């Protein structure tokens, strides 16, 4: 195991750049009395040899935070030190504040583990037990309507929304303002200007890169605001995950939305109770009630899209297993089926619904996906593949065409729209006749 480098408060002459500090770390001897090689660092961290060499020579002065974090973990040094900061000696009060700050945003399971370890440590030291609320405070419960979230956007400027978004991204990485400025290559003052709503688009772009935002559509939804090309919309709320912000923006501009759902009822057709249940069921970590409610509110807010006069047409194919999966109580499940029946009877031509039965002749070997078609000239079709933690947007023409072909085959093999309503009514009848819960 490599020895850590004592750098807390250390003032090493000439080590004022990432290149100089990386060179210094590579020159030190570990516990084996041998200097570590670039090849060894690359093998353990996954950072390419070429990237490390360029950083060491000073030719890669703006590496991503993830790269710096991997190298800092390998050499057992603080990320901020490697990024270029020269920290002052840390006081006991500052240390306690930093530890408390690092707990913000951790999942409940992690906080519970930390609380148990703290309890054992205090017991060993014969100290009084700290109330668990100090370690894992309950998050505030969001209000019951989305309007409470978006009200502050009425008077918000594009720059202030971008600034708040970038601040939350920085805090999510656990970076100080100085660390973020060093990682982005823009300096501390530029970060402060951006977060105060007075930054330049160039600084915003550099910080997005430093925070690992590489998806073109996620970047563009922020950069459009930074360049003052549009006004903030509800999906620009900084608290909304950036991947969902990009998806909601695409939905708002689409002329046609094709979606295949193999796990859940399409978000645009969910009831309130089903939205709550699906938000909870889809998480790998046990979420807080506040988080579930917030996600469900976003789902319901997205549904207003179908109420617009210029609403896009929605064509949904739902796997039959989705309709039998009980995420909610029977009465609420009946409400879900009623909603789908009403959608399948849509007379305005805006919603087409089909069910892919258990004996469907075509079963795509792919996860749930949504395809967007736009009326704007020059805007190509896009596909959103629904993932575990975030959705992935695909714009490569051949891949998009493959998903479109799969949807067409599904539409042909599934129960046809005019017969779907009868299928749903029969299913509702069978559910209603089940013994009471």
Protein backbone atom coordinates (compact mmCIF):
# COMPACT_ATOMS: atom_id res chain seq x y z
CA UNK A 1 0.00 0.00 0.00
CA UNK A 2 1.35 3.41 -0.89
CA UNK A 3 2.14 5.92 1.82
CA UNK A 4 0.12 9.10 1.92
CA UNK A 5 1.76 12.45 1.27
CA UNK A 6 1.69 14.94 4.12
CA UNK A 7 0.30 17.99 2.37
CA UNK A 8 -2.16 19.55 4.83
CA UNK A 9 -0.94 23.12 5.15
CA UNK A 10 2.33 22.16 3.46
CA UNK A 11 4.06 24.94 1.51
CA UNK A 12 6.32 23.17 -0.98
CA UNK A 13 8.31 25.65 -3.10
CA UNK A 14 7.59 25.54 -6.83
CA UNK A 15 4.58 23.22 -6.52
CA UNK A 16 1.94 25.71 -7.66
CA UNK A 17 0.56 23.81 -10.66
CA UNK A 18 -1.05 20.43 -11.27
CA UNK A 19 1.92 19.41 -13.42
CA UNK A 20 4.43 20.28 -10.70
CA UNK A 21 2.49 18.46 -8.01
CA UNK A 22 1.99 15.37 -10.15
CA UNK A 23 5.72 15.32 -10.95
CA UNK A 24 6.46 15.62 -7.23
CA UNK A 25 4.14 12.71 -6.38
CA UNK A 26 5.65 10.50 -9.08
CA UNK A 27 9.16 11.19 -7.75
CA UNK A 28 8.39 10.10 -4.19
CA UNK A 29 9.18 6.61 -2.97
CA UNK A 30 6.46 4.41 -1.56
CA UNK A 31 6.66 1.75 1.12
CA UNK A 32 8.61 -0.48 -1.30
CA UNK A 33 11.34 2.19 -1.56
CA UNK A 34 10.68 2.43 -5.30
CA UNK A 35 9.35 5.32 -7.30
CA UNK A 36 5.92 4.73 -8.73
CA UNK A 37 5.76 4.61 -12.53
CA UNK A 38 3.21 6.21 -14.85
CA UNK A 39 2.35 2.72 -16.10
CA UNK A 40 1.47 1.60 -12.56
CA UNK A 41 -0.67 4.69 -11.96
CA UNK A 42 -2.49 4.15 -15.26
CA UNK A 43 -3.11 0.48 -14.52
CA UNK A 44 -4.57 1.10 -11.05
CA UNK A 45 -6.56 4.30 -11.71
CA UNK A 46 -7.81 3.62 -15.22
CA UNK A 47 -6.49 7.02 -16.34
CA UNK A 48 -4.65 6.56 -19.61
CA UNK A 49 -0.87 6.76 -19.71
CA UNK A 50 -1.10 9.49 -22.36
CA UNK A 51 -3.35 11.64 -20.13
CA UNK A 52 -1.00 11.30 -17.14
CA UNK A 53 2.01 12.13 -19.31
CA UNK A 54 0.30 15.23 -20.71
CA UNK A 55 -0.68 16.37 -17.21
CA UNK A 56 2.84 15.80 -15.91
CA UNK A 57 4.29 17.89 -18.75
CA UNK A 58 1.75 20.67 -18.24
CA UNK A 59 0.08 20.15 -21.62
CA UNK A 60 -3.22 19.07 -20.02
CA UNK A 61 -3.86 21.91 -17.59
CA UNK A 62 -7.65 21.46 -17.46
CA UNK A 63 -8.34 17.81 -16.59
CA UNK A 64 -11.79 16.66 -15.53
CA UNK A 65 -12.63 16.34 -11.85
CA UNK A 66 -13.06 12.57 -12.18
CA UNK A 67 -9.48 12.25 -13.48
CA UNK A 68 -8.05 14.36 -10.67
CA UNK A 69 -10.07 12.44 -8.09
CA UNK A 70 -8.74 9.08 -9.34
CA UNK A 71 -5.15 10.32 -9.14
CA UNK A 72 -5.68 11.95 -5.73
CA UNK A 73 -7.12 8.70 -4.37
CA UNK A 74 -4.14 6.73 -5.72
CA UNK A 75 -1.55 9.02 -4.12
CA UNK A 76 -3.70 9.51 -0.99
CA UNK A 77 -3.66 13.30 -1.19
CA UNK A 78 -6.55 15.80 -0.97
CA UNK A 79 -8.24 16.51 -4.30
CA UNK A 80 -7.95 20.25 -3.72
CA UNK A 81 -4.20 20.04 -3.20
CA UNK A 82 -3.67 18.15 -6.44
CA UNK A 83 -5.97 20.60 -8.26
CA UNK A 84 -3.74 23.50 -7.23
CA UNK A 85 -4.97 24.80 -3.88
CA UNK A 86 -2.56 25.52 -1.03
CA UNK A 87 -4.76 24.90 2.02
CA UNK A 88 -4.20 26.62 5.29
CA UNK A 89 -3.61 24.46 8.36
CA UNK A 90 -7.01 23.08 9.32
CA UNK A 91 -8.48 23.83 12.72
CA UNK A 92 -10.57 21.44 14.78
CA UNK A 93 -13.69 23.57 14.20
CA UNK A 94 -13.08 23.63 10.45
CA UNK A 95 -12.52 19.87 10.43
CA UNK A 96 -15.86 19.28 12.17
CA UNK A 97 -17.62 21.63 9.72
CA UNK A 98 -16.10 19.84 6.73
CA UNK A 99 -17.17 16.43 8.00
CA UNK A 100 -20.72 17.64 8.61
CA UNK A 101 -20.82 19.23 5.15
CA UNK A 102 -19.69 16.05 3.45
CA UNK A 103 -22.72 14.24 4.86
CA UNK A 104 -25.12 16.42 2.88
CA UNK A 105 -26.65 14.54 -0.04
CA UNK A 106 -25.62 11.04 1.03
CA UNK A 107 -28.31 8.35 0.74
CA UNK A 108 -30.13 7.33 3.90
CA UNK A 109 -28.45 3.91 3.92
CA UNK A 110 -24.99 5.53 3.98
CA UNK A 111 -26.02 7.99 6.71
CA UNK A 112 -27.40 5.12 8.79
CA UNK A 113 -24.08 3.24 8.48
CA UNK A 114 -22.15 6.38 9.47
CA UNK A 115 -24.45 6.87 12.46
CA UNK A 116 -23.80 3.31 13.63
CA UNK A 117 -20.02 3.74 13.28
CA UNK A 118 -20.11 7.04 15.15
CA UNK A 119 -22.12 5.39 17.91
CA UNK A 120 -19.61 2.57 18.27
CA UNK A 121 -16.70 5.03 18.30
CA UNK A 122 -18.31 7.22 20.95
CA UNK A 123 -19.08 4.14 23.03
CA UNK A 124 -15.43 3.07 22.81
CA UNK A 125 -14.34 6.57 23.85
CA UNK A 126 -16.98 6.60 26.63
CA UNK A 127 -18.70 9.64 25.17
CA UNK A 128 -22.41 10.42 25.21
CA UNK A 129 -24.36 9.25 22.15
CA UNK A 130 -25.24 11.98 19.64
CA UNK A 131 -28.92 12.11 18.58
CA UNK A 132 -29.33 10.48 15.17
CA UNK A 133 -31.04 13.63 13.86
CA UNK A 134 -27.72 15.45 14.10
CA UNK A 135 -26.10 12.91 11.78
CA UNK A 136 -28.97 12.24 9.38
CA UNK A 137 -31.50 15.08 9.53
CA UNK A 138 -34.80 14.54 7.79
CA UNK A 139 -35.09 16.34 4.46
CA UNK A 140 -37.96 18.83 4.26
CA UNK A 141 -41.10 17.45 2.65
CA UNK A 142 -41.79 19.25 -0.65
CA UNK A 143 -45.05 21.13 -1.08
CA UNK A 144 -47.97 19.30 -2.66
CA UNK A 145 -48.01 21.14 -5.98
CA UNK A 146 -45.34 21.88 -8.57
CA UNK A 147 -46.30 25.57 -8.62
CA UNK A 148 -44.54 26.05 -5.31
CA UNK A 149 -41.32 24.88 -6.96
CA UNK A 150 -41.56 27.02 -10.08
CA UNK A 151 -42.92 30.23 -8.57
CA UNK A 152 -39.47 31.70 -8.05
CA UNK A 153 -38.71 31.21 -11.77
CA UNK A 154 -41.24 33.91 -12.69
CA UNK A 155 -38.76 36.65 -11.81
CA UNK A 156 -35.55 34.65 -12.20
CA UNK A 157 -33.04 35.52 -14.90
CA UNK A 158 -31.33 32.98 -17.12
CA UNK A 159 -27.99 33.81 -15.48
CA UNK A 160 -29.29 33.31 -11.94
CA UNK A 161 -30.80 29.92 -12.86
CA UNK A 162 -27.52 28.85 -14.46
CA UNK A 163 -25.59 30.07 -11.42
CA UNK A 164 -27.73 28.06 -9.03
CA UNK A 165 -27.43 24.97 -11.25
CA UNK A 166 -23.62 25.22 -11.35
CA UNK A 167 -23.41 25.76 -7.60
CA UNK A 168 -25.44 22.60 -6.95
CA UNK A 169 -23.25 20.64 -9.37
CA UNK A 170 -20.11 21.85 -7.59
CA UNK A 171 -21.51 21.01 -4.17
CA UNK A 172 -22.55 17.59 -5.46
CA UNK A 173 -18.90 16.92 -6.26
CA UNK A 174 -17.88 18.18 -2.83
CA UNK A 175 -15.61 20.86 -4.31
CA UNK A 176 -14.78 24.24 -2.86
CA UNK A 177 -14.95 27.30 -5.10
CA UNK A 178 -11.17 27.29 -5.38
CA UNK A 179 -11.01 23.59 -6.25
CA UNK A 180 -13.68 24.02 -8.93
CA UNK A 181 -11.86 26.98 -10.44
CA UNK A 182 -8.58 25.06 -10.57
CA UNK A 183 -10.23 21.98 -12.09
CA UNK A 184 -11.98 24.06 -14.76
CA UNK A 185 -8.95 26.24 -15.43
CA UNK A 186 -10.94 29.45 -14.93
CA UNK A 187 -9.92 30.51 -11.43
CA UNK A 188 -11.85 31.11 -8.23
CA UNK A 189 -13.25 34.52 -9.23
CA UNK A 190 -14.82 33.13 -12.41
CA UNK A 191 -16.63 30.44 -10.42
CA UNK A 192 -17.92 33.06 -8.00
CA UNK A 193 -19.15 35.22 -10.90
CA UNK A 194 -20.98 32.30 -12.51
CA UNK A 195 -22.67 31.29 -9.27
CA UNK A 196 -23.64 34.93 -8.62
CA UNK A 197 -25.36 35.07 -12.02
CA UNK A 198 -22.70 37.23 -13.66
CA UNK A 199 -20.53 34.67 -15.46
CA UNK A 200 -19.64 34.29 -19.11
CA UNK A 201 -20.82 31.42 -21.34
CA UNK A 202 -17.18 30.37 -21.73
CA UNK A 203 -16.80 29.97 -17.96
CA UNK A 204 -20.09 28.07 -17.76
CA UNK A 205 -18.92 25.66 -20.47
CA UNK A 206 -15.58 25.09 -18.72
CA UNK A 207 -17.29 24.34 -15.41
CA UNK A 208 -19.74 21.92 -17.03
CA UNK A 209 -16.75 20.04 -18.44
CA UNK A 210 -15.03 20.02 -15.05
CA UNK A 211 -18.17 18.64 -13.43
CA UNK A 212 -18.31 15.79 -15.95
CA UNK A 213 -21.35 17.03 -17.92
CA UNK A 214 -20.45 15.58 -21.32
CA UNK A 215 -23.87 14.83 -22.84
CA UNK A 216 -24.42 17.37 -25.66
CA UNK A 217 -28.12 17.75 -24.81
CA UNK A 218 -27.54 18.26 -21.11
CA UNK A 219 -24.84 20.81 -21.84
CA UNK A 220 -26.94 22.60 -24.44
CA UNK A 221 -29.94 23.02 -22.14
CA UNK A 222 -27.67 24.98 -19.76
CA UNK A 223 -25.69 26.78 -22.46
CA UNK A 224 -28.87 28.08 -24.12
CA UNK A 225 -29.66 29.90 -20.89
CA UNK A 226 -26.06 31.07 -20.50
CA UNK A 227 -26.18 32.53 -24.03
CA UNK A 228 -29.62 34.10 -23.34
CA UNK A 229 -31.18 32.17 -26.23
CA UNK A 230 -34.35 31.32 -24.28
CA UNK A 231 -36.16 32.07 -21.03
CA UNK A 232 -36.08 29.65 -18.08
CA UNK A 233 -38.84 27.03 -18.05
CA UNK A 234 -40.08 24.82 -15.21
CA UNK A 235 -37.70 22.02 -16.19
CA UNK A 236 -34.74 24.38 -15.67
CA UNK A 237 -35.25 24.27 -11.91
CA UNK A 238 -31.72 23.58 -10.58
CA UNK A 239 -33.07 20.92 -8.20
CA UNK A 240 -34.22 18.80 -11.17
CA UNK A 241 -31.55 16.35 -12.36
CA UNK A 242 -29.89 17.65 -15.50
CA UNK A 243 -30.67 14.50 -17.51
CA UNK A 244 -34.39 14.99 -16.80
CA UNK A 245 -34.13 18.69 -17.61
CA UNK A 246 -32.84 17.73 -21.05
CA UNK A 247 -35.62 15.13 -21.54
CA UNK A 248 -38.39 17.55 -20.56
CA UNK A 249 -36.97 20.10 -22.99
CA UNK A 250 -37.07 17.55 -25.80
CA UNK A 251 -40.65 16.62 -24.92
CA UNK A 252 -41.72 20.25 -25.09
CA UNK A 253 -40.36 20.63 -28.64
CA UNK A 254 -41.44 17.27 -30.05
CA UNK A 255 -44.17 16.87 -32.65
CA UNK A 256 -44.43 13.10 -32.13
CA UNK A 257 -43.43 10.92 -29.18
CA UNK A 258 -43.15 7.16 -29.65
CA UNK A 259 -42.52 5.19 -26.46
CA UNK A 260 -42.16 1.50 -25.54
CA UNK A 261 -42.46 0.73 -21.84
CA UNK A 262 -41.59 -2.73 -20.49
CA UNK A 263 -41.52 -1.93 -16.74
CA UNK A 264 -43.89 0.94 -15.95
CA UNK A 265 -46.90 2.81 -17.29
CA UNK A 266 -45.61 5.70 -19.47
CA UNK A 267 -44.85 8.74 -17.32
CA UNK A 268 -47.22 10.94 -19.34
CA UNK A 269 -50.14 8.59 -18.51
CA UNK A 270 -49.50 7.81 -14.82
CA UNK A 271 -51.86 8.63 -11.96
CA UNK A 272 -50.60 10.48 -8.91
CA UNK A 273 -50.47 7.39 -6.68
CA UNK A 274 -48.83 5.30 -9.40
CA UNK A 275 -46.22 8.02 -9.94
CA UNK A 276 -45.33 7.91 -6.24
CA UNK A 277 -45.15 4.10 -6.24
CA UNK A 278 -43.09 3.84 -9.43
CA UNK A 279 -40.62 6.48 -8.22
CA UNK A 280 -40.02 4.40 -5.10
CA UNK A 281 -39.95 1.03 -6.86
CA UNK A 282 -37.41 2.15 -9.47
CA UNK A 283 -34.72 3.16 -6.95
CA UNK A 284 -31.85 0.82 -6.07
CA UNK A 285 -31.33 2.76 -2.81
CA UNK A 286 -34.22 3.35 -0.40
CA UNK A 287 -35.22 6.97 -1.14
CA UNK A 288 -36.55 9.52 1.32
CA UNK A 289 -40.22 10.51 1.22
CA UNK A 290 -39.22 14.00 0.15
CA UNK A 291 -37.28 12.61 -2.81
CA UNK A 292 -40.17 10.34 -3.86
CA UNK A 293 -42.68 13.18 -3.66
CA UNK A 294 -40.44 15.50 -5.66
CA UNK A 295 -39.94 12.92 -8.42
CA UNK A 296 -43.69 12.22 -8.56
CA UNK A 297 -44.47 15.93 -8.80
CA UNK A 298 -42.11 16.24 -11.73
CA UNK A 299 -43.90 13.35 -13.46
CA UNK A 300 -47.28 15.04 -12.98
CA UNK A 301 -45.90 18.37 -14.17
CA UNK A 302 -44.63 16.74 -17.37
CA UNK A 303 -48.17 15.54 -18.11
CA UNK A 304 -49.38 19.11 -18.67
CA UNK A 305 -47.62 18.80 -22.00
CA UNK A 306 -50.60 16.83 -23.34
CA UNK A 307 -53.00 19.62 -22.32
CA UNK A 308 -51.48 22.16 -24.70
CA UNK A 309 -53.25 23.08 -27.92
CA UNK A 310 -50.06 22.27 -29.80
CA UNK A 311 -49.45 19.10 -27.77
CA UNK A 312 -47.34 16.43 -29.46
CA UNK A 313 -48.98 13.17 -30.48
CA UNK A 314 -48.15 10.32 -28.09
CA UNK A 315 -47.97 6.74 -29.38
CA UNK A 316 -47.30 4.29 -26.54
CA UNK A 317 -46.79 0.51 -26.60
CA UNK A 318 -46.96 -1.01 -23.11
CA UNK A 319 -45.91 -4.55 -22.24
CA UNK A 320 -48.77 -6.58 -20.74
CA UNK A 321 -46.69 -7.38 -17.64
CA UNK A 322 -46.81 -3.68 -16.74
CA UNK A 323 -50.60 -3.85 -16.44
CA UNK A 324 -50.47 -6.82 -14.06
CA UNK A 325 -47.68 -5.48 -11.85
CA UNK A 326 -49.29 -4.22 -8.64
CA UNK A 327 -47.37 -1.17 -7.44
CA UNK A 328 -50.47 0.28 -5.80
CA UNK A 329 -53.56 -0.98 -3.98
CA UNK A 330 -56.41 -2.52 -6.00
CA UNK A 331 -58.60 0.61 -6.06
CA UNK A 332 -55.64 2.70 -7.19
CA UNK A 333 -54.76 0.03 -9.76
CA UNK A 334 -58.29 0.33 -11.14
CA UNK A 335 -57.74 4.08 -11.40
CA UNK A 336 -54.60 3.41 -13.46
CA UNK A 337 -56.58 1.17 -15.82
CA UNK A 338 -59.35 3.79 -16.06
CA UNK A 339 -56.77 6.38 -17.08
CA UNK A 340 -55.39 4.10 -19.78
CA UNK A 341 -58.88 3.26 -21.03
CA UNK A 342 -59.68 6.97 -21.32
CA UNK A 343 -56.42 7.53 -23.17
CA UNK A 344 -57.13 4.66 -25.58
CA UNK A 345 -60.54 6.24 -26.32
CA UNK A 346 -58.94 9.57 -27.14
CA UNK A 347 -60.97 11.25 -29.87
CA UNK A 348 -58.60 14.10 -30.61
CA UNK A 349 -56.03 11.82 -32.19
CA UNK A 350 -53.34 12.91 -29.74
CA UNK A 351 -52.88 9.56 -27.96
CA UNK A 352 -52.51 6.09 -29.45
CA UNK A 353 -52.17 3.21 -26.99
CA UNK A 354 -51.31 -0.43 -27.64
CA UNK A 355 -50.54 -3.44 -25.43
CA UNK A 356 -47.79 -5.92 -26.27
CA UNK A 357 -49.34 -9.18 -24.96
CA UNK A 358 -47.48 -12.06 -23.37
CA UNK A 359 -47.65 -13.95 -26.68
CA UNK A 360 -46.49 -10.97 -28.72
CA UNK A 361 -44.77 -12.10 -31.92
CA UNK A 362 -42.00 -9.53 -31.46
CA UNK A 363 -40.15 -8.85 -28.21
CA UNK A 364 -37.35 -6.29 -28.62
CA UNK A 365 -34.04 -7.26 -26.95
CA UNK A 366 -33.67 -3.71 -25.63
CA UNK A 367 -34.85 -1.77 -22.56
CA UNK A 368 -37.68 0.74 -22.57
CA UNK A 369 -37.10 3.64 -24.96
CA UNK A 370 -38.71 6.77 -26.34
CA UNK A 371 -38.26 8.24 -29.80
CA UNK A 372 -38.81 11.96 -30.45
CA UNK A 373 -39.73 13.44 -33.82
CA UNK A 374 -39.62 17.20 -34.36
CA UNK A 375 -41.39 19.58 -36.72
CA UNK A 376 -38.47 22.01 -36.87
CA UNK A 377 -36.55 21.77 -40.16
CA UNK A 378 -33.11 20.27 -39.70
CA UNK A 379 -33.94 18.69 -36.32
CA UNK A 380 -33.29 14.96 -36.62
CA UNK A 381 -35.10 12.25 -34.67
CA UNK A 382 -33.66 11.38 -31.26
CA UNK A 383 -33.95 8.29 -29.06
CA UNK A 384 -33.95 8.26 -25.27
CA UNK A 385 -32.99 4.91 -23.72
CA UNK A 386 -34.33 4.70 -20.17
CA UNK A 387 -31.55 3.65 -17.78
CA UNK A 388 -31.19 2.92 -14.07
CA UNK A 389 -29.84 6.27 -12.85
CA UNK A 390 -30.40 8.46 -15.89
CA UNK A 391 -31.67 8.39 -19.45
CA UNK A 392 -29.28 8.27 -22.40
CA UNK A 393 -29.99 10.28 -25.54
CA UNK A 394 -28.91 8.81 -28.88
CA UNK A 395 -28.62 10.86 -32.06
CA UNK A 396 -26.50 8.59 -34.28
CA UNK A 397 -28.59 8.07 -37.41
CA UNK A 398 -28.15 4.30 -37.79
CA UNK A 399 -28.97 3.64 -34.13
CA UNK A 400 -32.03 5.90 -34.25
CA UNK A 401 -33.23 4.10 -37.37
CA UNK A 402 -32.80 0.74 -35.60
CA UNK A 403 -34.99 1.88 -32.69
CA UNK A 404 -37.58 3.26 -35.10
CA UNK A 405 -37.69 -0.08 -36.90
CA UNK A 406 -38.12 -1.87 -33.57
CA UNK A 407 -41.05 0.37 -32.65
CA UNK A 408 -42.73 -0.24 -36.01
CA UNK A 409 -42.38 -4.00 -35.52
CA UNK A 410 -43.85 -3.64 -32.02
CA UNK A 411 -46.80 -1.62 -33.32
CA UNK A 412 -47.53 -4.31 -35.90
CA UNK A 413 -47.22 -7.23 -33.45
CA UNK A 414 -49.03 -5.63 -30.49
CA UNK A 415 -52.80 -5.53 -29.93
CA UNK A 416 -54.11 -2.96 -32.40
CA UNK A 417 -55.32 0.40 -31.03
CA UNK A 418 -59.01 -0.24 -31.78
CA UNK A 419 -58.88 -3.52 -29.79
CA UNK A 420 -56.71 -2.23 -26.96
CA UNK A 421 -59.64 -0.54 -25.21
CA UNK A 422 -61.54 -3.86 -25.09
CA UNK A 423 -58.47 -5.61 -23.69
CA UNK A 424 -58.15 -2.97 -20.96
CA UNK A 425 -61.86 -3.09 -20.09
CA UNK A 426 -61.71 -6.89 -19.74
CA UNK A 427 -58.64 -6.60 -17.54
CA UNK A 428 -60.32 -3.95 -15.38
CA UNK A 429 -63.35 -6.17 -14.95
CA UNK A 430 -61.22 -9.10 -13.77
CA UNK A 431 -59.36 -6.89 -11.29
CA UNK A 432 -62.60 -5.44 -9.92
CA UNK A 433 -64.00 -8.93 -9.31
CA UNK A 434 -61.02 -10.03 -7.23
CA UNK A 435 -61.64 -10.67 -3.50
CA UNK A 436 -61.32 -7.54 -1.40
CA UNK A 437 -57.93 -6.70 0.05
